[in-house]
Amino acid sequence: MKLGVSLPAVAVLCLAAGCGNDDNKPDGPIPPDTSLSFFVSSATSVNGNLGGLRGADSRCQSLAAAVGAGGKTWRAYLSVERDPDNGNAPTDARSRIGNGPWFNANAVMVARDVNELHTRKGEASVFVDERGRQINGQWSGSPRPVEHDILTGSTADGRLMAGLTCADWTSAATTVTAQVGHSDGLGPGGDSSGTFSSWNSSHTSQNCADTAPRGGAGRIYCSARN
């Protein structure tokens, strides 16, 4: 005669599988991915011809891949009047970049979402390149020359500024211009007033033949959509 209690088959399976054991479940909300998802391009361009949107996107993807972030889909923060991937319709920069949150190469949050991104100001320690390096600007101790003018073709809320996109980023002509933002949010002498503080819509470039005058180097912002 055997002694002991006979357990139902279901109970035996539960004991083996650990039914009701939540030890392996995470506590609280899952933290956001703080890996690189927004940067200023280290690559520069002497003029406004970036090869159009596709060329600019390819530049972002290549730069991200070089620092181990190529598994994400990268897009250039640029507005255009005719987008070949949108039926040649106008496209706003804000509609190309996903929903956030975005983090720079130093795991610092750039913004939680699209609205927060477009209400913040430029900041040298936040708007850095894909390797976490600050962009030459008007901040104290910055190297020269000033290169904080970042091509966007956009208003402060990330929408198209018609006629200010270097012909949709295909022109190096002296007769067209582009809207630029200040990555450090500063103007001459560290002035942070008015549009000097805007990371994406501070002023127009001199022309699209040369991105250097007024403080540029043909850099762009890159954002991970996913």
Protein backbone atom coordinates (compact mmCIF):
# COMPACT_ATOMS: atom_id res chain seq x y z
CA MET A 1 0.00 0.00 0.00
CA LYS A 2 1.41 3.47 -1.05
CA LEU A 3 1.17 6.43 1.27
CA GLY A 4 0.71 10.05 0.08
CA VAL A 5 -1.75 12.27 -1.71
CA SER A 6 -2.55 11.87 -5.35
CA LEU A 7 -2.52 15.26 -7.13
CA PRO A 8 -4.67 15.99 -10.15
CA ALA A 9 -2.77 16.01 -13.41
CA VAL A 10 -3.35 19.77 -13.86
CA ALA A 11 -1.81 20.48 -10.47
CA VAL A 12 1.23 18.39 -11.33
CA LEU A 13 1.71 20.33 -14.57
CA CYS A 14 1.36 23.64 -12.74
CA LEU A 15 3.99 22.65 -10.19
CA ALA A 16 6.38 21.75 -12.99
CA ALA A 17 5.69 24.91 -15.01
CA GLY A 18 5.51 27.31 -12.09
CA CYS A 19 1.88 28.39 -12.54
CA GLY A 20 1.11 31.59 -10.70
CA ASN A 21 4.79 32.44 -10.31
CA ASP A 22 5.37 36.05 -11.45
CA ASP A 23 9.04 36.15 -10.52
CA ASN A 24 10.06 36.37 -14.19
CA LYS A 25 7.70 39.23 -15.05
CA PRO A 26 9.09 42.79 -15.11
CA ASP A 27 7.97 45.10 -12.35
CA GLY A 28 6.42 48.37 -13.55
CA PRO A 29 6.54 49.90 -17.03
CA ILE A 30 9.24 48.89 -19.49
CA PRO A 31 11.87 51.65 -19.66
CA PRO A 32 12.30 53.43 -23.02
CA ASP A 33 15.08 52.53 -25.42
CA THR A 34 17.75 55.14 -24.68
CA SER A 35 20.03 54.12 -27.54
CA LEU A 36 20.83 56.61 -30.29
CA SER A 37 17.76 57.90 -32.15
CA PHE A 38 18.50 61.57 -32.96
CA PHE A 39 21.69 63.32 -34.03
CA VAL A 40 23.29 66.11 -36.03
CA SER A 41 25.23 64.71 -38.96
CA SER A 42 28.98 64.72 -38.62
CA ALA A 43 29.08 64.71 -42.43
CA THR A 44 28.98 68.16 -43.97
CA SER A 45 28.17 69.57 -47.40
CA VAL A 46 29.71 72.64 -49.03
CA ASN A 47 26.40 73.37 -50.78
CA GLY A 48 22.68 72.63 -50.55
CA ASN A 49 22.64 69.74 -53.01
CA LEU A 50 22.23 66.70 -50.77
CA GLY A 51 20.92 64.42 -53.49
CA GLY A 52 17.32 65.25 -52.55
CA LEU A 53 15.48 63.62 -49.67
CA ARG A 54 16.65 60.16 -50.64
CA GLY A 55 20.27 61.25 -50.66
CA ALA A 56 19.88 62.91 -47.26
CA ASP A 57 18.15 59.84 -45.82
CA SER A 58 20.94 57.64 -47.13
CA ARG A 59 23.50 59.89 -45.45
CA CYS A 60 21.69 59.54 -42.11
CA GLN A 61 21.45 55.76 -42.48
CA SER A 62 25.16 55.42 -43.28
CA LEU A 63 26.26 57.61 -40.39
CA ALA A 64 24.05 55.67 -37.99
CA ALA A 65 25.36 52.34 -39.28
CA ALA A 66 28.93 53.48 -38.68
CA VAL A 67 28.21 53.78 -34.94
CA GLY A 68 26.22 50.55 -34.65
CA ALA A 69 22.72 52.02 -35.01
CA GLY A 70 22.04 50.93 -38.58
CA GLY A 71 19.30 48.51 -37.54
CA LYS A 72 16.89 51.42 -37.23
CA THR A 73 15.22 53.26 -40.11
CA TRP A 74 16.72 56.74 -40.30
CA ARG A 75 15.26 59.83 -41.93
CA ALA A 76 16.63 63.33 -42.48
CA TYR A 77 14.75 66.12 -40.72
CA LEU A 78 14.04 68.07 -43.92
CA SER A 79 10.92 69.59 -45.48
CA VAL A 80 10.34 69.55 -49.25
CA GLU A 81 7.86 70.92 -51.75
CA ARG A 82 7.87 67.74 -53.87
CA ASP A 83 8.48 64.44 -52.15
CA PRO A 84 9.13 61.56 -54.64
CA ASP A 85 7.98 59.06 -52.00
CA ASN A 86 4.75 60.98 -51.35
CA GLY A 87 3.36 61.38 -54.85
CA ASN A 88 5.48 64.51 -55.35
CA ALA A 89 3.35 66.28 -52.74
CA PRO A 90 4.79 68.63 -50.11
CA THR A 91 6.19 66.94 -47.00
CA ASP A 92 6.88 68.48 -43.59
CA ALA A 93 10.00 67.47 -41.69
CA ARG A 94 7.96 66.72 -38.57
CA SER A 95 5.98 64.03 -40.42
CA ARG A 96 9.11 62.06 -41.38
CA ILE A 97 10.68 61.35 -38.02
CA GLY A 98 8.41 59.00 -36.08
CA ASN A 99 6.77 59.60 -32.71
CA GLY A 100 9.66 59.60 -30.23
CA PRO A 101 10.99 59.57 -27.65
CA TRP A 102 14.40 60.46 -29.06
CA PHE A 103 17.80 60.17 -27.38
CA ASN A 104 21.18 61.46 -28.45
CA ALA A 105 24.45 59.50 -28.56
CA ASN A 106 25.03 60.24 -24.87
CA ALA A 107 21.66 58.71 -23.86
CA VAL A 108 20.26 62.18 -23.12
CA MET A 109 16.61 62.63 -24.05
CA VAL A 110 16.11 65.13 -26.87
CA ALA A 111 12.30 65.05 -26.61
CA ARG A 112 9.50 62.71 -25.53
CA ASP A 113 7.31 63.29 -28.58
CA VAL A 114 6.83 65.45 -31.67
CA ASN A 115 5.12 68.28 -29.80
CA GLU A 116 7.82 68.49 -27.13
CA LEU A 117 10.51 68.42 -29.81
CA HIS A 118 9.00 71.46 -31.48
CA THR A 119 8.63 73.52 -28.32
CA ARG A 120 12.18 73.09 -27.03
CA LYS A 121 15.21 75.29 -27.79
CA GLY A 122 18.55 74.42 -29.27
CA GLU A 123 21.23 73.27 -26.83
CA ALA A 124 24.85 72.43 -27.59
CA SER A 125 25.03 69.48 -25.20
CA VAL A 126 21.80 67.91 -26.52
CA PHE A 127 21.95 68.42 -30.29
CA VAL A 128 25.21 66.53 -30.83
CA ASP A 129 26.50 64.35 -33.66
CA GLU A 130 26.21 60.56 -33.91
CA ARG A 131 29.33 60.13 -31.79
CA GLY A 132 28.18 62.48 -29.06
CA ARG A 133 30.35 65.42 -30.09
CA GLN A 134 29.13 69.01 -29.80
CA ILE A 135 28.78 71.07 -32.96
CA ASN A 136 30.93 74.18 -33.27
CA GLY A 137 28.77 77.14 -32.34
CA GLN A 138 28.46 80.19 -30.12
CA TRP A 139 28.74 78.26 -26.85
CA SER A 140 31.54 79.15 -24.43
CA GLY A 141 34.83 77.53 -25.42
CA SER A 142 33.60 76.30 -28.80
CA PRO A 143 36.19 75.66 -31.50
CA ARG A 144 35.99 77.71 -34.67
CA PRO A 145 34.60 78.07 -37.25
CA VAL A 146 30.93 78.31 -36.21
CA GLU A 147 28.96 75.48 -37.88
CA HIS A 148 25.72 75.47 -35.89
CA ASP A 149 23.47 76.33 -38.87
CA ILE A 150 21.63 73.07 -39.60
CA LEU A 151 19.66 72.73 -42.85
CA THR A 152 15.91 72.12 -42.34
CA GLY A 153 13.75 74.13 -44.76
CA SER A 154 11.21 74.26 -41.95
CA THR A 155 9.23 76.52 -39.66
CA ALA A 156 9.68 76.30 -35.89
CA ASP A 157 6.86 73.76 -35.71
CA GLY A 158 8.52 71.59 -38.34
CA ARG A 159 6.49 72.50 -41.40
CA LEU A 160 7.61 73.35 -44.92
CA MET A 161 8.92 76.84 -45.70
CA ALA A 162 8.29 76.96 -49.43
CA GLY A 163 11.17 78.36 -51.45
CA LEU A 164 13.68 77.80 -48.64
CA THR A 165 14.76 74.20 -49.33
CA CYS A 166 17.59 74.58 -51.87
CA ALA A 167 15.11 73.33 -54.48
CA ASP A 168 14.24 70.29 -52.37
CA TRP A 169 17.90 69.74 -51.51
CA THR A 170 19.02 69.34 -55.12
CA SER A 171 20.50 72.78 -55.85
CA ALA A 172 23.87 74.45 -55.38
CA ALA A 173 22.73 77.71 -56.97
CA THR A 174 23.41 81.21 -55.70
CA THR A 175 19.84 82.19 -56.53
CA VAL A 176 18.12 79.96 -53.95
CA THR A 177 18.37 79.71 -50.16
CA ALA A 178 17.45 77.45 -47.26
CA GLN A 179 16.05 77.86 -43.77
CA VAL A 180 18.41 76.72 -41.02
CA GLY A 181 18.26 76.19 -37.27
CA HIS A 182 20.86 76.70 -34.52
CA SER A 183 21.87 73.43 -32.90
CA ASP A 184 23.21 75.31 -29.86
CA GLY A 185 20.26 77.72 -29.66
CA LEU A 186 22.62 80.70 -29.65
CA GLY A 187 23.36 83.72 -31.80
CA PRO A 188 26.37 86.07 -31.90
CA GLY A 189 27.98 86.50 -28.50
CA GLY A 190 25.85 83.71 -27.04
CA ASP A 191 22.59 85.59 -27.62
CA SER A 192 19.63 83.24 -26.96
CA SER A 193 16.86 85.73 -27.75
CA GLY A 194 14.23 85.43 -30.45
CA THR A 195 14.83 83.00 -33.27
CA PHE A 196 18.50 82.59 -32.33
CA SER A 197 17.31 79.96 -29.84
CA SER A 198 15.51 77.84 -32.44
CA TRP A 199 17.15 74.50 -33.20
CA ASN A 200 15.26 74.15 -36.49
CA SER A 201 14.20 77.58 -37.78
CA SER A 202 16.52 80.45 -36.94
CA HIS A 203 17.22 82.25 -40.25
CA THR A 204 17.90 81.76 -43.96
CA SER A 205 21.24 80.79 -45.41
CA GLN A 206 23.10 83.21 -47.66
CA ASN A 207 22.51 80.92 -50.63
CA CYS A 208 22.70 77.26 -51.61
CA ALA A 209 26.05 77.52 -53.38
CA ASP A 210 27.97 77.83 -50.11
CA THR A 211 26.70 76.67 -46.72
CA ALA A 212 29.51 78.30 -44.69
CA PRO A 213 28.50 82.00 -44.64
CA ARG A 214 26.42 82.99 -41.57
CA GLY A 215 27.69 79.95 -39.64
CA GLY A 216 26.96 76.71 -41.47
CA ALA A 217 28.60 73.59 -42.83
CA GLY A 218 25.75 71.80 -44.59
CA ARG A 219 24.87 69.55 -41.66
CA ILE A 220 21.43 67.97 -41.19
CA TYR A 221 19.43 66.42 -38.35
CA CYS A 222 18.83 62.67 -38.47
CA SER A 223 16.05 60.84 -36.64
CA ALA A 224 15.15 57.18 -36.18
CA ARG A 225 11.54 56.47 -37.17
CA ASN A 226 11.40 53.24 -35.17
